[in-house]
Amino acid sequence: MHNLSDEGMMLELGFPVMLNDTVRIDLTETVSLEGKVIWTEGGRCGLKLRRPVDSADLLRQMCEEQRSGATRPLRLGMRRPAMTASEFGLKPVSVVDISQRGMKLAHDGSFRPGLAVKVTTDTGIERRGVVRWTRDDLAGVILTEPFTVAELGSLRSWRSSRASSETPQAADPSS
């Protein structure tokens, strides 16, 4: 988001939008705005909000949420195949959700906190990370290199496309 007014906002996006598209922007876990695209130029667009807001109050609320430490990065929910490479070798997993700095993976139960992994999505995007937590067959991985906004935009379409029947190949974690 480049700017916000009571009736609109200017966004820089990593994916294309068309005039008159309806777009929902989740600014935080509790603050979402919806509007219609009224102009586009390059990777930017103007959004006319569906309902006017008190922009000063909204920005204050977002700052308070961030300072409280109660917020966490927004996540894209999905269920997509991926491969991990670790000291345990190559293992198939499913990406359950993804954010700019992390992933939740469904795995075979062998992951433990502190495990270094390389995750390769079925589209070939690779990220290294470290398992932060595990619960049964789920693991939270913090990424050592965050996704860019453009990559998250491509993962947005990855989320909605059909799961590939092929399993991606993961590189050696030491490479």
C-alpha atoms as a PDB file:
ATOM      1  CA  MET A   1       0.000   0.000   0.000  1.00  0.00           C
ATOM      2  CA  HIS A   2       1.496   3.315  -1.055  1.00  0.00           C
ATOM      3  CA  ASN A   3      -1.162   5.588   0.350  1.00  0.00           C
ATOM      4  CA  LEU A   4      -4.582   5.538   1.959  1.00  0.00           C
ATOM      5  CA  SER A   5      -7.353   8.112   2.052  1.00  0.00           C
ATOM      6  CA  ASP A   6     -10.857   7.938   3.458  1.00  0.00           C
ATOM      7  CA  GLU A   7     -12.249   6.818   0.077  1.00  0.00           C
ATOM      8  CA  GLY A   8      -9.396   4.989  -1.645  1.00  0.00           C
ATOM      9  CA  MET A   9      -5.876   3.661  -1.737  1.00  0.00           C
ATOM     10  CA  MET A  10      -2.953   3.243  -4.117  1.00  0.00           C
ATOM     11  CA  LEU A  11      -1.423  -0.220  -4.216  1.00  0.00           C
ATOM     12  CA  GLU A  12       1.665  -1.779  -5.728  1.00  0.00           C
ATOM     13  CA  LEU A  13       0.889  -5.372  -6.659  1.00  0.00           C
ATOM     14  CA  GLY A  14       2.918  -8.359  -7.729  1.00  0.00           C
ATOM     15  CA  PHE A  15       0.084  -9.648  -9.912  1.00  0.00           C
ATOM     16  CA  PRO A  16      -2.132  -8.079 -12.590  1.00  0.00           C
ATOM     17  CA  VAL A  17      -5.576  -6.607 -11.934  1.00  0.00           C
ATOM     18  CA  MET A  18      -8.132  -5.275 -14.387  1.00  0.00           C
ATOM     19  CA  LEU A  19     -10.280  -2.162 -14.282  1.00  0.00           C
ATOM     20  CA  ASN A  20     -13.449  -2.743 -12.242  1.00  0.00           C
ATOM     21  CA  ASP A  21     -12.015  -5.830 -10.486  1.00  0.00           C
ATOM     22  CA  THR A  22     -13.176  -6.097  -6.898  1.00  0.00           C
ATOM     23  CA  VAL A  23     -10.179  -6.465  -4.599  1.00  0.00           C
ATOM     24  CA  ARG A  24     -10.041  -7.279  -0.888  1.00  0.00           C
ATOM     25  CA  ILE A  25      -6.938  -6.149   0.954  1.00  0.00           C
ATOM     26  CA  ASP A  26      -6.181  -7.740   4.328  1.00  0.00           C
ATOM     27  CA  LEU A  27      -4.038  -5.105   6.018  1.00  0.00           C
ATOM     28  CA  THR A  28      -3.863  -7.087   9.273  1.00  0.00           C
ATOM     29  CA  GLU A  29      -5.667 -10.120  10.660  1.00  0.00           C
ATOM     30  CA  THR A  30      -8.470  -7.824  11.855  1.00  0.00           C
ATOM     31  CA  VAL A  31      -8.442  -5.036   9.232  1.00  0.00           C
ATOM     32  CA  SER A  32      -9.701  -5.738   5.693  1.00  0.00           C
ATOM     33  CA  LEU A  33     -10.771  -3.267   3.034  1.00  0.00           C
ATOM     34  CA  GLU A  34     -12.649  -3.953  -0.182  1.00  0.00           C
ATOM     35  CA  GLY A  35     -12.872  -1.792  -3.258  1.00  0.00           C
ATOM     36  CA  LYS A  36     -12.994  -1.564  -7.017  1.00  0.00           C
ATOM     37  CA  VAL A  37      -9.972  -0.979  -9.275  1.00  0.00           C
ATOM     38  CA  ILE A  38     -10.438   2.426 -10.918  1.00  0.00           C
ATOM     39  CA  TRP A  39      -7.030   2.787 -12.623  1.00  0.00           C
ATOM     40  CA  THR A  40      -3.894   0.756 -13.343  1.00  0.00           C
ATOM     41  CA  GLU A  41      -0.409   1.802 -14.391  1.00  0.00           C
ATOM     42  CA  GLY A  42       2.485  -0.625 -14.467  1.00  0.00           C
ATOM     43  CA  GLY A  43       2.388  -2.600 -11.222  1.00  0.00           C
ATOM     44  CA  ARG A  44       0.267  -0.001  -9.437  1.00  0.00           C
ATOM     45  CA  CYS A  45      -3.458   0.502  -9.186  1.00  0.00           C
ATOM     46  CA  GLY A  46      -5.999   2.814  -7.606  1.00  0.00           C
ATOM     47  CA  LEU A  47      -8.756   1.333  -5.505  1.00  0.00           C
ATOM     48  CA  LYS A  48     -12.020   3.115  -4.665  1.00  0.00           C
ATOM     49  CA  LEU A  49     -13.153   1.716  -1.341  1.00  0.00           C
ATOM     50  CA  ARG A  50     -16.568   0.095  -1.146  1.00  0.00           C
ATOM     51  CA  ARG A  51     -17.245   2.014   2.082  1.00  0.00           C
ATOM     52  CA  PRO A  52     -15.411   5.158   3.222  1.00  0.00           C
ATOM     53  CA  VAL A  53     -13.155   4.780   6.259  1.00  0.00           C
ATOM     54  CA  ASP A  54     -11.569   7.100   8.789  1.00  0.00           C
ATOM     55  CA  SER A  55      -8.050   6.639   7.387  1.00  0.00           C
ATOM     56  CA  ALA A  56      -6.281   8.351  10.313  1.00  0.00           C
ATOM     57  CA  ASP A  57      -8.088   6.107  12.810  1.00  0.00           C
ATOM     58  CA  LEU A  58      -7.426   3.021  10.677  1.00  0.00           C
ATOM     59  CA  LEU A  59      -3.688   3.757  10.503  1.00  0.00           C
ATOM     60  CA  ARG A  60      -3.631   4.376  14.268  1.00  0.00           C
ATOM     61  CA  GLN A  61      -5.391   1.026  14.867  1.00  0.00           C
ATOM     62  CA  MET A  62      -2.905  -0.801  12.639  1.00  0.00           C
ATOM     63  CA  CYS A  63       0.046   0.791  14.476  1.00  0.00           C
ATOM     64  CA  GLU A  64      -1.406  -0.181  17.857  1.00  0.00           C
ATOM     65  CA  GLU A  65      -1.864  -3.792  16.700  1.00  0.00           C
ATOM     66  CA  GLN A  66       1.707  -3.922  15.460  1.00  0.00           C
ATOM     67  CA  ARG A  67       3.145  -2.411  18.659  1.00  0.00           C
ATOM     68  CA  SER A  68       1.170  -4.830  20.825  1.00  0.00           C
ATOM     69  CA  GLY A  69       3.016  -7.760  19.265  1.00  0.00           C
ATOM     70  CA  ALA A  70      -0.286  -9.608  18.893  1.00  0.00           C
ATOM     71  CA  THR A  71      -0.194  -9.583  15.092  1.00  0.00           C
ATOM     72  CA  ARG A  72       1.379 -12.153  12.829  1.00  0.00           C
ATOM     73  CA  PRO A  73       1.978 -12.095   9.078  1.00  0.00           C
ATOM     74  CA  LEU A  74      -1.062 -12.811   6.943  1.00  0.00           C
ATOM     75  CA  ARG A  75      -1.179 -16.294   5.458  1.00  0.00           C
ATOM     76  CA  LEU A  76      -2.495 -17.773   2.239  1.00  0.00           C
ATOM     77  CA  GLY A  77      -4.299 -21.014   2.974  1.00  0.00           C
ATOM     78  CA  MET A  78      -3.701 -23.843   0.494  1.00  0.00           C
ATOM     79  CA  ARG A  79      -3.016 -27.553   0.225  1.00  0.00           C
ATOM     80  CA  ARG A  80      -0.267 -28.061  -2.358  1.00  0.00           C
ATOM     81  CA  PRO A  81       2.436 -30.713  -2.818  1.00  0.00           C
ATOM     82  CA  ALA A  82       6.089 -29.881  -2.230  1.00  0.00           C
ATOM     83  CA  MET A  83       9.357 -31.655  -1.430  1.00  0.00           C
ATOM     84  CA  THR A  84      11.754 -31.036   1.427  1.00  0.00           C
ATOM     85  CA  ALA A  85      15.428 -31.840   1.582  1.00  0.00           C
ATOM     86  CA  SER A  86      17.008 -32.198   5.029  1.00  0.00           C
ATOM     87  CA  GLU A  87      19.377 -34.413   6.973  1.00  0.00           C
ATOM     88  CA  PHE A  88      16.624 -37.069   6.635  1.00  0.00           C
ATOM     89  CA  GLY A  89      16.832 -36.952   2.823  1.00  0.00           C
ATOM     90  CA  LEU A  90      14.031 -36.039   0.418  1.00  0.00           C
ATOM     91  CA  LYS A  91      10.494 -36.139   1.796  1.00  0.00           C
ATOM     92  CA  PRO A  92       7.152 -35.226   0.224  1.00  0.00           C
ATOM     93  CA  VAL A  93       5.082 -32.682   2.170  1.00  0.00           C
ATOM     94  CA  SER A  94       2.012 -30.526   1.655  1.00  0.00           C
ATOM     95  CA  VAL A  95       2.100 -26.754   2.026  1.00  0.00           C
ATOM     96  CA  VAL A  96      -0.893 -25.955   4.266  1.00  0.00           C
ATOM     97  CA  ASP A  97      -0.380 -22.192   4.375  1.00  0.00           C
ATOM     98  CA  ILE A  98       2.264 -19.694   3.421  1.00  0.00           C
ATOM     99  CA  SER A  99       3.291 -16.172   4.391  1.00  0.00           C
ATOM    100  CA  GLN A 100       6.076 -13.862   3.346  1.00  0.00           C
ATOM    101  CA  ARG A 101       8.375 -15.298   6.031  1.00  0.00           C
ATOM    102  CA  GLY A 102       7.126 -18.825   6.676  1.00  0.00           C
ATOM    103  CA  MET A 103       5.186 -21.951   5.774  1.00  0.00           C
ATOM    104  CA  LYS A 104       3.076 -24.499   7.573  1.00  0.00           C
ATOM    105  CA  LEU A 105       3.817 -27.965   6.255  1.00  0.00           C
ATOM    106  CA  ALA A 106       2.010 -31.284   6.678  1.00  0.00           C
ATOM    107  CA  HIS A 107       4.709 -33.968   6.938  1.00  0.00           C
ATOM    108  CA  ASP A 108       5.262 -37.590   7.977  1.00  0.00           C
ATOM    109  CA  GLY A 109       5.851 -36.712  11.646  1.00  0.00           C
ATOM    110  CA  SER A 110       9.657 -36.842  11.505  1.00  0.00           C
ATOM    111  CA  PHE A 111      10.329 -33.071  11.592  1.00  0.00           C
ATOM    112  CA  ARG A 112      11.660 -31.557  14.828  1.00  0.00           C
ATOM    113  CA  PRO A 113      12.317 -27.942  15.876  1.00  0.00           C
ATOM    114  CA  GLY A 114      15.723 -26.761  14.664  1.00  0.00           C
ATOM    115  CA  LEU A 115      15.751 -28.979  11.555  1.00  0.00           C
ATOM    116  CA  ALA A 116      17.185 -27.139   8.520  1.00  0.00           C
ATOM    117  CA  VAL A 117      15.085 -27.763   5.398  1.00  0.00           C
ATOM    118  CA  LYS A 118      14.948 -26.733   1.771  1.00  0.00           C
ATOM    119  CA  VAL A 119      11.368 -26.624   0.478  1.00  0.00           C
ATOM    120  CA  THR A 120      10.686 -26.916  -3.257  1.00  0.00           C
ATOM    121  CA  THR A 121       7.137 -26.153  -4.395  1.00  0.00           C
ATOM    122  CA  ASP A 122       5.530 -27.986  -7.270  1.00  0.00           C
ATOM    123  CA  THR A 123       6.151 -24.835  -9.343  1.00  0.00           C
ATOM    124  CA  GLY A 124       9.904 -25.020  -8.658  1.00  0.00           C
ATOM    125  CA  ILE A 125      10.234 -22.145  -6.164  1.00  0.00           C
ATOM    126  CA  GLU A 126      12.823 -23.052  -3.511  1.00  0.00           C
ATOM    127  CA  ARG A 127      13.290 -21.634  -0.038  1.00  0.00           C
ATOM    128  CA  ARG A 128      15.523 -22.649   2.832  1.00  0.00           C
ATOM    129  CA  GLY A 129      14.227 -22.497   6.361  1.00  0.00           C
ATOM    130  CA  VAL A 130      14.299 -23.884   9.862  1.00  0.00           C
ATOM    131  CA  VAL A 131      11.516 -25.782  11.594  1.00  0.00           C
ATOM    132  CA  ARG A 132      10.339 -23.609  14.529  1.00  0.00           C
ATOM    133  CA  TRP A 133       7.607 -25.843  15.916  1.00  0.00           C
ATOM    134  CA  THR A 134       5.898 -29.176  15.312  1.00  0.00           C
ATOM    135  CA  ARG A 135       2.530 -30.561  16.332  1.00  0.00           C
ATOM    136  CA  ASP A 136       1.733 -34.115  15.275  1.00  0.00           C
ATOM    137  CA  ASP A 137       2.144 -34.068  11.469  1.00  0.00           C
ATOM    138  CA  LEU A 138       2.332 -30.262  11.118  1.00  0.00           C
ATOM    139  CA  ALA A 139       5.444 -28.085  11.210  1.00  0.00           C
ATOM    140  CA  GLY A 140       6.018 -24.345  11.120  1.00  0.00           C
ATOM    141  CA  VAL A 141       9.028 -23.317   9.056  1.00  0.00           C
ATOM    142  CA  ILE A 142      10.607 -19.863   9.281  1.00  0.00           C
ATOM    143  CA  LEU A 143      12.253 -18.947   5.985  1.00  0.00           C
ATOM    144  CA  THR A 144      15.825 -17.658   5.823  1.00  0.00           C
ATOM    145  CA  GLU A 145      14.905 -15.699   2.666  1.00  0.00           C
ATOM    146  CA  PRO A 146      11.401 -14.170   2.661  1.00  0.00           C
ATOM    147  CA  PHE A 147       9.158 -14.309  -0.387  1.00  0.00           C
ATOM    148  CA  THR A 148       8.891 -11.070  -2.346  1.00  0.00           C
ATOM    149  CA  VAL A 149       5.491  -9.481  -2.911  1.00  0.00           C
ATOM    150  CA  ALA A 150       5.707 -10.582  -6.561  1.00  0.00           C
ATOM    151  CA  GLU A 151       6.392 -14.193  -5.531  1.00  0.00           C
ATOM    152  CA  LEU A 152       3.429 -14.137  -3.147  1.00  0.00           C
ATOM    153  CA  GLY A 153       1.347 -12.832  -6.044  1.00  0.00           C
ATOM    154  CA  SER A 154       2.419 -15.815  -8.153  1.00  0.00           C
ATOM    155  CA  LEU A 155       1.687 -18.136  -5.222  1.00  0.00           C
ATOM    156  CA  ARG A 156      -1.796 -16.604  -5.069  1.00  0.00           C
ATOM    157  CA  SER A 157      -2.496 -18.144  -8.479  1.00  0.00           C
ATOM    158  CA  TRP A 158      -0.550 -21.278  -7.441  1.00  0.00           C
ATOM    159  CA  ARG A 159      -2.993 -21.596  -4.539  1.00  0.00           C
ATOM    160  CA  SER A 160      -6.007 -21.594  -6.836  1.00  0.00           C
ATOM    161  CA  SER A 161      -4.614 -23.767  -9.634  1.00  0.00           C
ATOM    162  CA  ARG A 162      -5.078 -27.519  -9.614  1.00  0.00           C
ATOM    163  CA  ALA A 163      -2.513 -29.615  -7.778  1.00  0.00           C
ATOM    164  CA  SER A 164       0.146 -31.034 -10.032  1.00  0.00           C
ATOM    165  CA  SER A 165       0.276 -34.805 -10.343  1.00  0.00           C
ATOM    166  CA  GLU A 166       4.058 -34.629 -10.512  1.00  0.00           C
ATOM    167  CA  THR A 167       6.192 -34.371  -7.408  1.00  0.00           C
ATOM    168  CA  PRO A 168       8.885 -31.666  -7.638  1.00  0.00           C
ATOM    169  CA  GLN A 169      12.505 -32.561  -7.186  1.00  0.00           C
ATOM    170  CA  ALA A 170      14.385 -30.923  -4.321  1.00  0.00           C
ATOM    171  CA  ALA A 171      18.048 -30.079  -4.457  1.00  0.00           C
ATOM    172  CA  ASP A 172      20.584 -31.290  -1.932  1.00  0.00           C
ATOM    173  CA  PRO A 173      20.188 -29.139   1.233  1.00  0.00           C
ATOM    174  CA  SER A 174      23.932 -28.530   1.379  1.00  0.00           C
ATOM    175  CA  SER A 175      23.992 -26.838  -2.051  1.00  0.00           C
END
